[in-house]
Structure formats: C-alpha cells, structure tokens
Protein backbone atom coordinates (compact mmCIF):
# COMPACT_ATOMS: atom_id res chain seq x y z
CA MET A 1 76.50 85.15 100.71
CA TYR A 2 77.46 84.61 96.99
CA ASP A 3 80.33 82.87 95.02
CA GLU A 4 82.71 83.70 93.14
CA LYS A 5 80.70 82.67 90.21
CA ASP A 6 77.39 84.68 91.35
CA ARG A 7 79.62 88.06 91.65
CA GLU A 8 80.98 87.31 88.16
CA GLU A 9 77.53 86.94 86.01
CA HIS A 10 76.56 90.51 88.78
CA LEU A 11 79.38 92.34 87.56
CA SER A 12 79.32 90.96 83.81
CA LEU A 13 75.75 90.58 83.09
CA ASP A 14 76.38 87.66 81.21
CA PHE A 15 72.99 86.15 81.31
CA HIS A 16 69.71 87.04 79.89
CA THR A 17 67.89 89.84 81.51
CA GLY A 18 65.67 91.00 78.64
CA LEU A 19 66.85 94.29 79.08
CA THR A 20 69.20 96.25 76.77
CA PRO A 21 72.02 97.80 77.62
CA ASP A 22 70.10 101.54 77.56
CA SER A 23 67.18 99.81 79.29
CA HIS A 24 68.96 98.12 82.56
CA PHE A 25 71.30 101.46 82.64
CA ARG A 26 68.83 103.72 83.27
CA THR A 27 66.91 101.18 85.63
CA VAL A 28 69.80 101.27 87.69
CA ILE A 29 70.33 105.06 87.67
CA ASN A 30 66.64 105.09 88.69
CA ILE A 31 67.16 102.75 91.07
CA VAL A 32 69.83 104.41 92.91
CA ALA A 33 68.14 107.81 92.78
CA LEU A 34 65.28 106.25 94.84
CA LEU A 35 67.27 104.86 97.67
CA SER A 36 69.11 108.08 97.98
CA PHE A 37 65.55 110.18 97.72
CA LEU A 38 64.28 108.01 100.65
CA GLN A 39 67.16 108.81 102.50
CA ILE A 40 65.79 112.16 102.29
CA VAL A 41 62.27 111.58 102.84
CA PHE A 42 63.76 109.58 106.01
CA TYR A 43 65.80 112.78 107.19
CA VAL A 44 62.95 115.07 107.23
CA GLY A 45 60.72 112.93 108.80
CA ALA A 46 62.97 111.90 111.54
CA SER A 47 62.45 115.22 113.22
CA TYR A 48 58.77 114.43 113.93
CA VAL A 49 59.25 111.11 114.80
CA TYR A 50 62.17 112.25 116.88
CA GLU A 51 59.77 114.29 119.03
CA ILE A 52 57.19 111.32 119.46
CA ALA A 53 60.36 108.89 120.64
CA GLU A 54 61.70 111.74 122.98
CA SER A 55 58.44 111.84 124.35
CA VAL A 56 57.78 108.29 125.39
CA ILE A 57 61.31 107.75 126.56
CA TYR A 58 61.09 110.65 128.58
CA ARG A 59 57.69 108.81 130.26
CA LEU A 60 59.11 105.76 130.74
CA PHE A 61 63.21 107.24 131.78
CA GLY A 62 62.52 110.49 132.99
CA HIS A 63 62.91 109.69 136.71
CA ASP A 64 66.64 108.82 135.83
CA MET A 65 67.98 111.31 133.87
CA ALA A 66 71.42 109.13 132.96
CA ALA A 67 69.37 106.45 131.81
CA TYR A 68 66.53 108.83 129.88
CA GLN A 69 69.67 110.18 127.85
CA ALA A 70 71.33 106.76 127.29
CA MET A 71 68.33 105.79 125.86
CA MET A 72 67.98 108.49 123.35
CA ASP A 73 71.45 107.84 122.32
CA VAL A 74 70.19 104.22 121.33
CA TRP A 75 67.22 105.72 119.92
CA ASP A 76 69.35 108.00 117.62
CA MET A 77 71.25 104.84 116.42
CA PHE A 78 68.52 102.93 115.28
CA GLU A 79 67.10 106.30 113.97
CA TYR A 80 70.56 106.62 111.78
CA ALA A 81 70.72 102.99 110.78
CA GLY A 82 67.09 103.18 109.78
CA SER A 83 67.63 105.96 107.37
CA PHE A 84 69.45 104.24 105.67
CA LEU A 85 68.32 100.39 106.13
CA ILE A 86 64.38 101.05 105.67
CA PRO A 87 64.91 102.87 102.24
CA LEU A 88 66.92 99.96 101.27
CA GLY A 89 64.41 97.36 102.38
CA VAL A 90 61.39 99.62 100.19
CA VAL A 91 64.01 99.82 96.93
CA LEU A 92 64.74 95.84 97.55
CA LEU A 93 61.18 95.16 97.75
CA ILE A 94 60.12 96.91 94.52
CA PHE A 95 62.85 95.92 92.45
CA ARG A 96 62.75 91.99 93.43
CA ASP A 97 64.20 90.79 89.69
CA ARG A 98 67.38 88.98 90.23
CA VAL A 99 69.54 91.39 88.15
CA PHE A 100 69.25 94.01 90.49
CA ARG A 101 69.64 92.03 93.61
CA PRO A 102 72.00 93.12 96.32
CA TYR A 103 75.86 92.05 96.12
CA VAL A 104 78.03 93.24 98.62
CA PRO A 105 81.36 91.96 98.36
CA PHE A 106 82.10 90.72 102.11
CA ALA A 107 85.13 88.52 100.82
CA PRO A 108 86.45 86.75 104.10
CA SER A 109 89.96 87.62 103.57
CA MET A 110 91.79 90.81 103.67
CA PRO A 111 93.66 92.07 100.56
CA PRO A 112 97.53 92.20 100.60
CA HIS A 113 99.14 94.88 102.35
CA ALA A 114 95.60 96.07 104.14
CA ILE A 115 97.19 97.66 107.12
CA SER A 116 99.33 99.92 104.84
CA THR A 117 96.40 100.60 102.76
CA ILE A 118 94.25 101.73 105.52
CA PHE A 119 97.06 103.70 107.47
CA PHE A 120 97.75 105.55 103.91
CA THR A 121 93.95 106.20 102.99
CA VAL A 122 93.77 107.81 106.20
CA ALA A 123 96.50 109.90 106.24
CA VAL A 124 95.48 111.40 102.57
CA LEU A 125 92.16 111.96 104.14
CA TYR A 126 93.38 113.83 107.21
CA VAL A 127 95.10 115.98 104.79
CA PHE A 128 92.27 116.36 102.50
CA GLY A 129 90.54 117.29 105.66
CA ALA A 130 92.77 120.04 106.50
CA VAL A 131 92.33 121.62 103.16
CA SER A 132 88.73 121.35 103.20
CA GLU A 133 88.82 123.13 106.36
CA GLY A 134 90.70 125.76 104.47
CA LEU A 135 88.31 126.77 101.97
CA LEU A 136 85.54 127.12 104.43
CA THR A 137 87.43 129.17 106.69
CA LEU A 138 88.11 131.38 103.31
CA LEU A 139 84.38 131.23 102.42
CA GLU A 140 83.80 132.69 105.86
CA SER A 141 85.93 135.34 105.38
CA ILE A 142 84.47 136.62 102.02
CA GLY A 143 80.96 136.71 103.76
CA VAL A 144 79.65 133.15 103.66
CA PRO A 145 78.32 132.20 107.00
CA PHE A 146 77.93 128.38 108.05
CA TYR A 147 76.27 126.72 110.43
CA TYR A 148 78.28 124.43 112.52
CA TYR A 149 76.58 121.68 114.60
CA ASP A 150 78.41 121.07 118.01
CA PRO A 151 76.26 118.45 119.91
CA PRO A 152 77.29 117.87 123.43
CA LEU A 153 80.02 115.33 123.97
CA PRO A 154 78.93 111.92 125.99
CA ASP A 155 80.05 112.79 130.09
CA THR A 156 79.07 108.79 131.69
CA PRO A 157 80.88 105.49 130.67
CA LEU A 158 77.65 104.17 129.57
CA ARG A 159 77.25 106.83 127.15
CA ILE A 160 80.92 107.01 125.64
CA LEU A 161 80.33 103.68 125.28
CA LEU A 162 77.11 104.42 122.46
CA TYR A 163 78.94 107.19 121.50
CA PHE A 164 81.72 104.92 120.03
CA VAL A 165 79.42 102.67 118.48
CA SER A 166 77.34 105.70 116.90
CA SER A 167 80.14 107.46 115.79
CA VAL A 168 82.86 104.33 114.59
CA ILE A 169 81.91 101.32 114.36
CA LEU A 170 78.07 101.64 113.13
CA PRO A 171 78.81 104.39 110.32
CA ALA A 172 81.48 102.26 108.99
CA LEU A 173 79.30 98.94 108.86
CA VAL A 174 75.81 100.80 107.44
CA GLU A 175 77.82 103.05 105.22
CA GLU A 176 80.07 101.80 103.85
CA MET A 177 77.71 98.17 103.04
CA ILE A 178 75.33 100.98 101.25
CA PHE A 179 77.53 103.21 99.24
CA ARG A 180 80.49 101.23 98.67
CA GLY A 181 79.13 97.67 98.73
CA TYR A 182 75.65 97.87 97.35
CA ILE A 183 75.72 101.46 95.17
CA LEU A 184 79.12 101.21 93.64
CA HIS A 185 78.48 97.41 92.76
CA LEU A 186 75.00 97.95 91.37
CA LEU A 187 76.75 100.69 89.17
CA LEU A 188 79.86 98.83 88.51
CA PRO A 189 78.86 96.79 85.33
CA HIS A 190 78.74 100.03 83.70
CA GLY A 191 82.56 100.82 84.15
CA LYS A 192 84.45 101.10 87.42
CA SER A 193 85.84 104.89 87.50
CA PHE A 194 81.61 105.93 86.85
CA ALA A 195 80.82 103.64 89.24
CA ILE A 196 83.26 104.73 91.88
CA VAL A 197 82.55 108.66 91.15
CA VAL A 198 79.00 108.15 91.04
CA SER A 199 79.01 106.54 94.34
CA ALA A 200 81.34 108.92 95.81
CA VAL A 201 79.32 111.81 94.62
CA LEU A 202 75.45 110.38 96.38
CA PHE A 203 77.93 109.53 99.41
CA GLY A 204 78.70 113.52 99.91
CA LEU A 205 75.39 114.26 99.08
CA MET A 206 74.20 111.88 101.85
CA HIS A 207 75.31 114.17 104.54
CA LEU A 208 73.45 117.09 103.63
CA TYR A 209 76.04 119.46 104.84
CA LEU A 210 78.37 121.61 103.19
CA PRO A 211 81.28 121.30 105.36
CA GLN A 212 81.27 117.66 105.12
CA LEU A 213 80.26 117.39 101.12
CA LEU A 214 83.57 117.66 99.56
CA TYR A 215 85.67 115.90 102.61
CA ALA A 216 83.03 112.81 101.93
CA THR A 217 83.02 112.50 98.27
CA ALA A 218 86.88 112.86 98.20
CA ALA A 219 86.29 110.09 101.26
CA GLY A 220 84.44 107.84 98.68
CA VAL A 221 86.31 108.05 95.63
CA LEU A 222 89.67 106.61 97.80
CA ILE A 223 87.69 104.43 99.68
CA GLY A 224 85.33 102.95 96.49
CA TYR A 225 88.99 102.81 94.36
CA PHE A 226 90.36 100.57 97.20
CA VAL A 227 87.08 98.14 97.66
CA VAL A 228 87.10 97.85 93.94
CA ARG A 229 90.88 97.14 93.75
CA SER A 230 90.62 94.80 96.48
CA GLY A 231 87.19 93.40 95.54
CA SER A 232 86.11 93.16 99.52
CA VAL A 233 83.97 95.86 100.93
CA TRP A 234 85.96 95.44 104.65
CA ILE A 235 88.82 97.17 103.47
CA GLY A 236 86.30 100.50 103.19
CA ILE A 237 84.50 99.78 106.67
CA PHE A 238 88.30 99.38 108.22
CA ILE A 239 89.19 102.85 106.69
CA HIS A 240 85.86 104.33 107.19
CA ALA A 241 86.41 103.15 111.16
CA LEU A 242 89.94 104.11 111.79
CA ASN A 243 89.32 107.75 110.09
CA ASN A 244 86.09 107.95 113.00
CA LEU A 245 88.23 106.23 115.12
CA PHE A 246 90.62 109.57 115.32
CA ALA A 247 87.97 111.99 115.57
CA PHE A 248 86.54 110.17 118.61
CA LEU A 249 89.85 109.79 120.19
CA SER A 250 90.00 113.76 119.69
CA ASP A 251 86.97 114.48 121.13
CA MET A 252 87.06 112.25 124.21
CA ALA A 253 90.98 114.41 124.77
CA TYR A 254 88.80 117.34 124.35
CA ILE A 255 86.43 116.49 127.57
CA MET A 256 88.88 114.63 129.49
CA LEU A 257 92.23 116.85 129.22
CA PRO A 258 93.07 120.29 130.49
CA ASP A 259 93.77 122.47 127.28
CA VAL A 260 97.65 122.33 127.53
CA GLY A 261 97.11 118.16 127.81
CA TYR A 262 94.66 118.30 124.74
CA ASP A 263 97.03 120.64 122.44
CA ILE A 264 99.80 117.90 123.16
CA PHE A 265 97.72 114.82 122.63
CA SER A 266 96.22 116.69 119.21
CA ALA A 267 99.97 117.15 117.65
CA VAL A 268 100.91 113.85 118.72
CA LEU A 269 97.98 111.87 117.23
CA GLN A 270 98.16 114.20 114.06
CA ALA A 271 102.21 112.85 114.26
CA VAL A 272 100.99 109.42 114.15
CA ILE A 273 98.37 109.53 111.55
CA LEU A 274 100.67 111.30 109.05
CA LEU A 275 103.72 108.97 110.24
CA CYS A 276 101.44 105.90 109.93
CA GLY A 277 100.57 106.99 106.23
CA VAL A 278 104.34 108.12 104.86
CA CYS A 279 105.06 104.10 106.20
CA GLY A 280 102.03 102.83 104.40
CA ALA A 281 103.10 104.92 101.19
CA PHE A 282 106.60 103.53 100.84
CA VAL A 283 105.32 100.17 101.36
CA LEU A 284 102.12 100.70 98.91
CA CYS A 285 104.59 102.40 96.27
CA GLY A 286 107.48 99.29 96.89
CA ALA A 287 104.14 96.60 96.08
CA GLN A 288 103.10 98.28 92.85
CA SER A 289 107.13 98.56 91.70
CA ALA A 290 106.91 95.03 92.38
CA GLU A 291 103.70 93.78 91.24
CA ARG A 292 103.43 96.10 88.05
CA HIS A 293 99.97 96.33 88.11
CA GLY A 294 97.30 97.92 89.87
CA LEU A 295 93.58 98.98 88.84
CA THR A 296 92.34 100.48 85.49
CA LEU A 297 89.88 102.72 85.76
CA GLU A 298 87.65 101.53 82.62
CA SER A 299 84.94 99.69 82.45
CA GLY A 300 85.69 95.88 82.14
CA SER A 301 82.32 94.80 81.69
CA VAL A 302 80.12 93.63 78.26
CA TYR A 303 79.09 97.48 78.52
CA ASN A 304 82.42 98.68 77.55
CA ARG A 305 81.84 98.95 74.11
CA TYR A 306 78.67 100.76 75.01
CA LEU A 307 79.37 103.10 77.77
CA ASP A 308 82.72 105.25 78.57
CA THR A 309 82.66 107.09 82.00
CA PRO A 310 82.04 110.60 80.60
CA ALA A 311 78.97 109.57 78.69
CA ALA A 312 77.55 107.36 81.41
CA LEU A 313 78.11 110.71 83.63
CA ARG A 314 76.04 112.79 81.38
CA ARG A 315 73.15 109.90 81.34
CA THR A 316 72.86 109.80 84.90
CA LEU A 317 70.52 112.90 84.61
CA THR A 318 67.55 110.93 84.32
CA LEU A 319 64.05 112.62 85.56
CA PRO A 320 64.09 110.86 88.88
CA MET A 321 68.28 111.70 89.63
CA ILE A 322 67.32 115.18 88.56
CA GLY A 323 64.71 115.07 90.97
CA TYR A 324 66.82 113.82 93.74
CA LEU A 325 70.00 116.51 93.07
CA ILE A 326 67.50 119.23 93.38
CA CYS A 327 66.15 117.92 96.71
CA ALA A 328 69.64 117.00 98.04
CA VAL A 329 71.37 120.57 97.23
CA TYR A 330 68.27 122.48 98.48
CA TYR A 331 68.61 120.41 101.94
CA THR A 332 72.27 120.84 101.79
CA VAL A 333 72.16 124.86 101.08
CA LEU A 334 69.10 124.86 104.13
CA ASN A 335 71.43 122.97 106.40
CA SER A 336 74.99 124.83 105.67
CA ILE A 337 74.58 128.53 104.86
CA ALA A 338 73.14 130.64 107.99
CA PHE A 339 71.11 133.51 105.60
CA PHE A 340 69.67 135.49 108.82
C-alpha cells in the first residue's frame, strides 16, 4: 500500500522520469495495449487448456459427478482470474520501471454518501441494460442474428455457493482492480476524462461479446467516474458486486421458483432497484447542492498543458493499440453474430 505522498507522486508525475510527455504517453498506451492483447491470447488459449483440465479432473473425480462438476466450477474460477492476473504479471515483469508500477487506490474508507452512490449507479445501469436489450432486439428484427450463451445454472448447494463467488465476488474484485485500478490510474496523469473513457472502452471490449459491449462500456464510464471522484477503487467494487448480485438473485429465482413466482420476484426486484436508485439520486443531488463541487473532468496534472481529451484519444492509436483493437473487434464479431 502506498501512502498519500506516493499517490500524489504517481498521479502528477512530478519527479524525474527521463521521458518527455509524448514518450511517457505512448509508453503508457502501449502497456495498456499489451495487457489487453494478452487477455485475448489467454481467452483463445483457454479452450485448449480447458480440455486438458477437464480430462485430468474427470480422471480424479469422474466417479462422483457432483464433485466433478464442483471441481470444474473451481477450475473455471481459476481460469477466469488467471486470464487477468497472469497478463498483468507479465506486463509488470516487462515494465518494472518505477514510473509504470501499479497503483491501485484501495483507500481504507468509503467516500461520503457511498451507499446512495452505489444504489444510484446500479439503478442507472439497470435502465441502460434495458435500453441495450431493446437495441439488440431491434437489430435482430432487421436481420442481424446474435449468438446467445445460456450456460446451465447450478443445481446443488455447493455449486450455488461457487456460482455466487464466481459471478458476484470474483469479477468485482478482479475486473475493478485491473480496469478501474491499474489501467485507469496508469492513464490518469494524462487526463481524468481520458482515463475514464479509455479504461471503459477497454472494459467493454474485454467481454468480446457484442450484446455486452455497449452495456459494459457505459458501466465502465459510470463506475470510473465515481472511482476517480472518490479516490478509492472500493466504490467500484461494491457497485460491480451489487449489480452482479441482482443478476445472481434473478438466476436463483429462475431455477427455484415456479413461473408465476419468478415473475412476481422479478417485478419486486426491479421495483426495489429503481426505488433505491431514485432515493440515491435525491440524496446525491442534495449533497451536490450543499457542497457545490464535483468532479471536473479535465487533466489536473502536469500534462494538462500538453494533452486535452480529444487529442489524447486520437493519439492512443499507436501500432500496438491498433493491433489490439483489430483482434478485439474480430473476436467480438466472431463470438456475437451467427453468420450461418
């Protein structure tokens, strides 16, 4: 954990780096592009490793189907976490310079009005998710066929517990640490709005699935805003976890309740989400009115005279970033659209 002096030093870059602002910017973009590209490499290679792991686990636990399924769930969790943490480890080994070390702001305390912020953000994401689904339905109606992945839901208490960890806790911790922690804060000296937007776009592309891309990008922008405003990645972790928790509860209701019960539960859950979001919005508006300040989306760094957001966005298209974007778009289309 770095102290406040380390944080200010990291964000302002007010120390001798031996790099011009232009060189530092290009190096940061190339680091982010390499990290994102390695995630795709692990995604592509995961299917081959999965077959080997499945064979080994079946040999060990094939006599007990419940244990076999649970161990496969555990393997999926390790594979998921590794697809983020191993590329990060590779990047940190390559770029060991102090300038590019990871700084993930795990502040010990939550910002003021954190609960209201969390509920407001989750409600906004819920509404945007509904709008996103409507757009996808519209695209399908005009002849764009999408693949839809509907993996089987868990059917035993142990697998439900593992499903909770893998769908609620693990993504919130790992994805927020990578995207709103390391990537966003690596980009932050070059502008707050720039860092929020780029980290959000990379977060959306990371899913490699068009039905999730728009929603995940919007979520990245909104969560990134509050992470930068609060100075702590914990607010992003709790927003992400609560958002996933509602989806988990909906899945559990689907497998445990009859159709009528599920419809009632879904209606009540939606009402709770929206009501809590409205209450959170009132609290935040009142606090904003009283405090008379918010997050100003400009650089705020020593590079403020050098980069503004539109110029910075144009300059992100280095060759490594272009290569990553081509790969990400290719696999997103391949995973999303049923051509045949």
